[in-house]
Every structure is written in C-alpha cells, then in structure tokens.
Amino acid sequence: MKINKYVEGLKAKSAAELNEELVAAKKELFNLRFQNATNQLDNTSRIKDVRRNIARIQTIIAEKARVAE
C-alpha cells in the first residue's frame, strides 16, 4: 500500500522533478554506503530500500520517455 502511493506520487511528477529525485536518492545511497563502511549505520536495510526506490524512479523515467516518443 505504502509503495503504491509512492509510485503514484512519482508518476504525477514531471521529468525534471524525477531527475531531481533521482539525484537526491543517489546522494542518499552514497551517504548510507559511507556510513556503513565506517560502522555508523544502524539500519542497514535502508540501503536496500533506497536502491529499490532508485530503480522505481528510473523505471518511471523510462516509461515517460517511451510515451513521449
């Protein structure tokens, strides 16, 4: 349920907003990996969640690109 609402929200955004969201998610992933490497990360499952969110964003970007052609 929660994921469906997240995807619906992504689909409502423009391509520029999706790219901004993608950059932010990649920065978050970098920071999480850095924290994990220095043993400062408590919730390691967050890395998996962020990776999946990046994939969701990229999928929606690809769908919008296909529709635009």
N, C-alpha and C. Protein backbone atom coordinates (compact mmCIF):
# COMPACT_ATOMS: atom_id res chain seq x y z
N MET A 1 0.81 -1.19 0.00
CA MET A 1 0.00 0.00 0.00
C MET A 1 0.86 1.26 0.00
N LYS A 2 1.84 1.28 0.90
CA LYS A 2 2.70 2.44 1.03
C LYS A 2 3.52 2.66 -0.24
N ILE A 3 3.99 1.55 -0.83
CA ILE A 3 4.80 1.64 -2.05
C ILE A 3 3.94 2.13 -3.21
N ASN A 4 2.71 1.67 -3.29
CA ASN A 4 1.83 2.10 -4.37
C ASN A 4 1.61 3.61 -4.34
N LYS A 5 1.45 4.17 -3.16
CA LYS A 5 1.27 5.62 -3.04
C LYS A 5 2.54 6.35 -3.46
N TYR A 6 3.71 5.78 -3.13
CA TYR A 6 4.98 6.38 -3.52
C TYR A 6 5.11 6.39 -5.04
N VAL A 7 4.76 5.29 -5.68
CA VAL A 7 4.84 5.19 -7.14
C VAL A 7 3.84 6.13 -7.79
N GLU A 8 2.64 6.22 -7.24
CA GLU A 8 1.63 7.14 -7.77
C GLU A 8 2.15 8.58 -7.71
N GLY A 9 2.80 8.92 -6.60
CA GLY A 9 3.38 10.25 -6.45
C GLY A 9 4.47 10.50 -7.47
N LEU A 10 5.26 9.48 -7.75
CA LEU A 10 6.32 9.62 -8.76
C LEU A 10 5.74 9.82 -10.15
N LYS A 11 4.69 9.08 -10.45
CA LYS A 11 4.08 9.19 -11.78
C LYS A 11 3.47 10.56 -12.02
N ALA A 12 3.08 11.24 -10.95
CA ALA A 12 2.48 12.56 -11.08
C ALA A 12 3.52 13.65 -11.32
N LYS A 13 4.79 13.35 -11.09
CA LYS A 13 5.85 14.36 -11.23
C LYS A 13 6.31 14.49 -12.67
N SER A 14 6.91 15.63 -12.96
CA SER A 14 7.45 15.86 -14.30
C SER A 14 8.82 15.20 -14.41
N ALA A 15 9.35 15.18 -15.63
CA ALA A 15 10.65 14.56 -15.86
C ALA A 15 11.77 15.27 -15.09
N ALA A 16 11.70 16.59 -15.02
CA ALA A 16 12.72 17.35 -14.28
C ALA A 16 12.66 17.03 -12.79
N GLU A 17 11.47 16.93 -12.26
CA GLU A 17 11.31 16.60 -10.84
C GLU A 17 11.80 15.18 -10.56
N LEU A 18 11.55 14.27 -11.49
CA LEU A 18 12.02 12.89 -11.32
C LEU A 18 13.54 12.84 -11.33
N ASN A 19 14.16 13.63 -12.21
CA ASN A 19 15.62 13.66 -12.24
C ASN A 19 16.19 14.21 -10.94
N GLU A 20 15.55 15.24 -10.39
CA GLU A 20 15.99 15.78 -9.10
C GLU A 20 15.85 14.74 -8.00
N GLU A 21 14.75 14.01 -8.02
CA GLU A 21 14.51 12.97 -7.03
C GLU A 21 15.55 11.86 -7.17
N LEU A 22 15.91 11.54 -8.40
CA LEU A 22 16.92 10.50 -8.66
C LEU A 22 18.28 10.92 -8.11
N VAL A 23 18.66 12.16 -8.35
CA VAL A 23 19.94 12.66 -7.84
C VAL A 23 19.95 12.63 -6.31
N ALA A 24 18.85 13.04 -5.70
CA ALA A 24 18.76 13.04 -4.24
C ALA A 24 18.87 11.62 -3.69
N ALA A 25 18.23 10.66 -4.35
CA ALA A 25 18.27 9.27 -3.89
C ALA A 25 19.68 8.69 -4.03
N LYS A 26 20.36 9.04 -5.11
CA LYS A 26 21.72 8.55 -5.30
C LYS A 26 22.67 9.14 -4.26
N LYS A 27 22.46 10.40 -3.90
CA LYS A 27 23.27 11.02 -2.85
C LYS A 27 23.02 10.33 -1.52
N GLU A 28 21.74 10.02 -1.25
CA GLU A 28 21.40 9.34 -0.01
C GLU A 28 22.05 7.96 0.03
N LEU A 29 22.02 7.25 -1.10
CA LEU A 29 22.65 5.93 -1.17
C LEU A 29 24.14 6.03 -0.91
N PHE A 30 24.80 7.03 -1.48
CA PHE A 30 26.22 7.23 -1.25
C PHE A 30 26.49 7.44 0.23
N ASN A 31 25.69 8.31 0.86
CA ASN A 31 25.88 8.59 2.28
C ASN A 31 25.65 7.35 3.14
N LEU A 32 24.64 6.56 2.78
CA LEU A 32 24.38 5.33 3.54
C LEU A 32 25.52 4.34 3.40
N ARG A 33 26.07 4.22 2.19
CA ARG A 33 27.21 3.31 1.99
C ARG A 33 28.43 3.79 2.77
N PHE A 34 28.62 5.09 2.81
CA PHE A 34 29.74 5.66 3.55
C PHE A 34 29.57 5.37 5.05
N GLN A 35 28.37 5.58 5.57
CA GLN A 35 28.10 5.30 6.97
C GLN A 35 28.29 3.82 7.28
N ASN A 36 27.88 2.96 6.34
CA ASN A 36 28.02 1.52 6.54
C ASN A 36 29.50 1.13 6.59
N ALA A 37 30.30 1.73 5.74
CA ALA A 37 31.72 1.42 5.69
C ALA A 37 32.43 1.85 6.97
N THR A 38 31.95 2.91 7.60
CA THR A 38 32.58 3.41 8.83
C THR A 38 31.86 2.91 10.08
N ASN A 39 30.99 1.91 9.91
CA ASN A 39 30.25 1.30 11.02
C ASN A 39 29.41 2.29 11.81
N GLN A 40 28.85 3.26 11.14
CA GLN A 40 27.97 4.23 11.79
C GLN A 40 26.50 4.00 11.45
N LEU A 41 26.23 3.06 10.56
CA LEU A 41 24.86 2.84 10.10
C LEU A 41 24.18 1.79 10.97
N ASP A 42 23.04 2.15 11.55
CA ASP A 42 22.29 1.23 12.40
C ASP A 42 21.32 0.37 11.58
N ASN A 43 20.61 1.01 10.67
CA ASN A 43 19.57 0.32 9.90
C ASN A 43 20.10 0.02 8.49
N THR A 44 20.72 -1.13 8.31
CA THR A 44 21.32 -1.45 7.02
C THR A 44 20.28 -1.77 5.95
N SER A 45 19.05 -2.09 6.35
CA SER A 45 18.01 -2.38 5.36
C SER A 45 17.62 -1.12 4.58
N ARG A 46 17.98 0.03 5.08
CA ARG A 46 17.67 1.30 4.39
C ARG A 46 18.39 1.36 3.05
N ILE A 47 19.59 0.75 2.96
CA ILE A 47 20.33 0.72 1.70
C ILE A 47 19.50 0.02 0.63
N LYS A 48 18.92 -1.12 0.99
CA LYS A 48 18.08 -1.88 0.07
C LYS A 48 16.86 -1.07 -0.38
N ASP A 49 16.24 -0.38 0.56
CA ASP A 49 15.07 0.43 0.24
C ASP A 49 15.41 1.55 -0.74
N VAL A 50 16.53 2.21 -0.51
CA VAL A 50 16.93 3.32 -1.38
C VAL A 50 17.27 2.80 -2.77
N ARG A 51 17.94 1.65 -2.84
CA ARG A 51 18.27 1.08 -4.15
C ARG A 51 16.99 0.76 -4.94
N ARG A 52 16.00 0.23 -4.25
CA ARG A 52 14.73 -0.08 -4.92
C ARG A 52 14.01 1.19 -5.36
N ASN A 53 14.08 2.23 -4.54
CA ASN A 53 13.46 3.50 -4.92
C ASN A 53 14.15 4.09 -6.15
N ILE A 54 15.47 3.97 -6.23
CA ILE A 54 16.20 4.43 -7.41
C ILE A 54 15.72 3.68 -8.65
N ALA A 55 15.56 2.38 -8.52
CA ALA A 55 15.07 1.58 -9.65
C ALA A 55 13.66 1.99 -10.05
N ARG A 56 12.82 2.28 -9.07
CA ARG A 56 11.45 2.72 -9.37
C ARG A 56 11.47 4.05 -10.13
N ILE A 57 12.29 4.97 -9.67
CA ILE A 57 12.38 6.27 -10.33
C ILE A 57 12.88 6.11 -11.77
N GLN A 58 13.91 5.30 -11.96
CA GLN A 58 14.45 5.09 -13.30
C GLN A 58 13.43 4.43 -14.21
N THR A 59 12.64 3.52 -13.67
CA THR A 59 11.60 2.85 -14.46
C THR A 59 10.56 3.85 -14.94
N ILE A 60 10.13 4.73 -14.06
CA ILE A 60 9.11 5.72 -14.42
C ILE A 60 9.67 6.71 -15.43
N ILE A 61 10.94 7.10 -15.28
CA ILE A 61 11.58 7.98 -16.26
C ILE A 61 11.58 7.31 -17.64
N ALA A 62 11.91 6.03 -17.68
CA ALA A 62 11.93 5.29 -18.95
C ALA A 62 10.53 5.19 -19.55
N GLU A 63 9.53 4.96 -18.71
CA GLU A 63 8.14 4.89 -19.20
C GLU A 63 7.71 6.22 -19.81
N LYS A 64 8.04 7.31 -19.13
CA LYS A 64 7.67 8.63 -19.64
C LYS A 64 8.39 8.93 -20.96
N ALA A 65 9.64 8.48 -21.08
CA ALA A 65 10.40 8.68 -22.32
C ALA A 65 9.77 7.90 -23.47
N ARG A 66 9.31 6.68 -23.18
CA ARG A 66 8.67 5.86 -24.21
C ARG A 66 7.36 6.48 -24.67
N VAL A 67 6.60 7.02 -23.76
CA VAL A 67 5.32 7.65 -24.09
C VAL A 67 5.55 8.91 -24.92
N ALA A 68 6.62 9.63 -24.61
CA ALA A 68 6.90 10.90 -25.30
C ALA A 68 7.32 10.68 -26.75
N GLU A 69 7.82 9.50 -27.07
CA GLU A 69 8.29 9.26 -28.46
C GLU A 69 7.16 9.06 -29.42
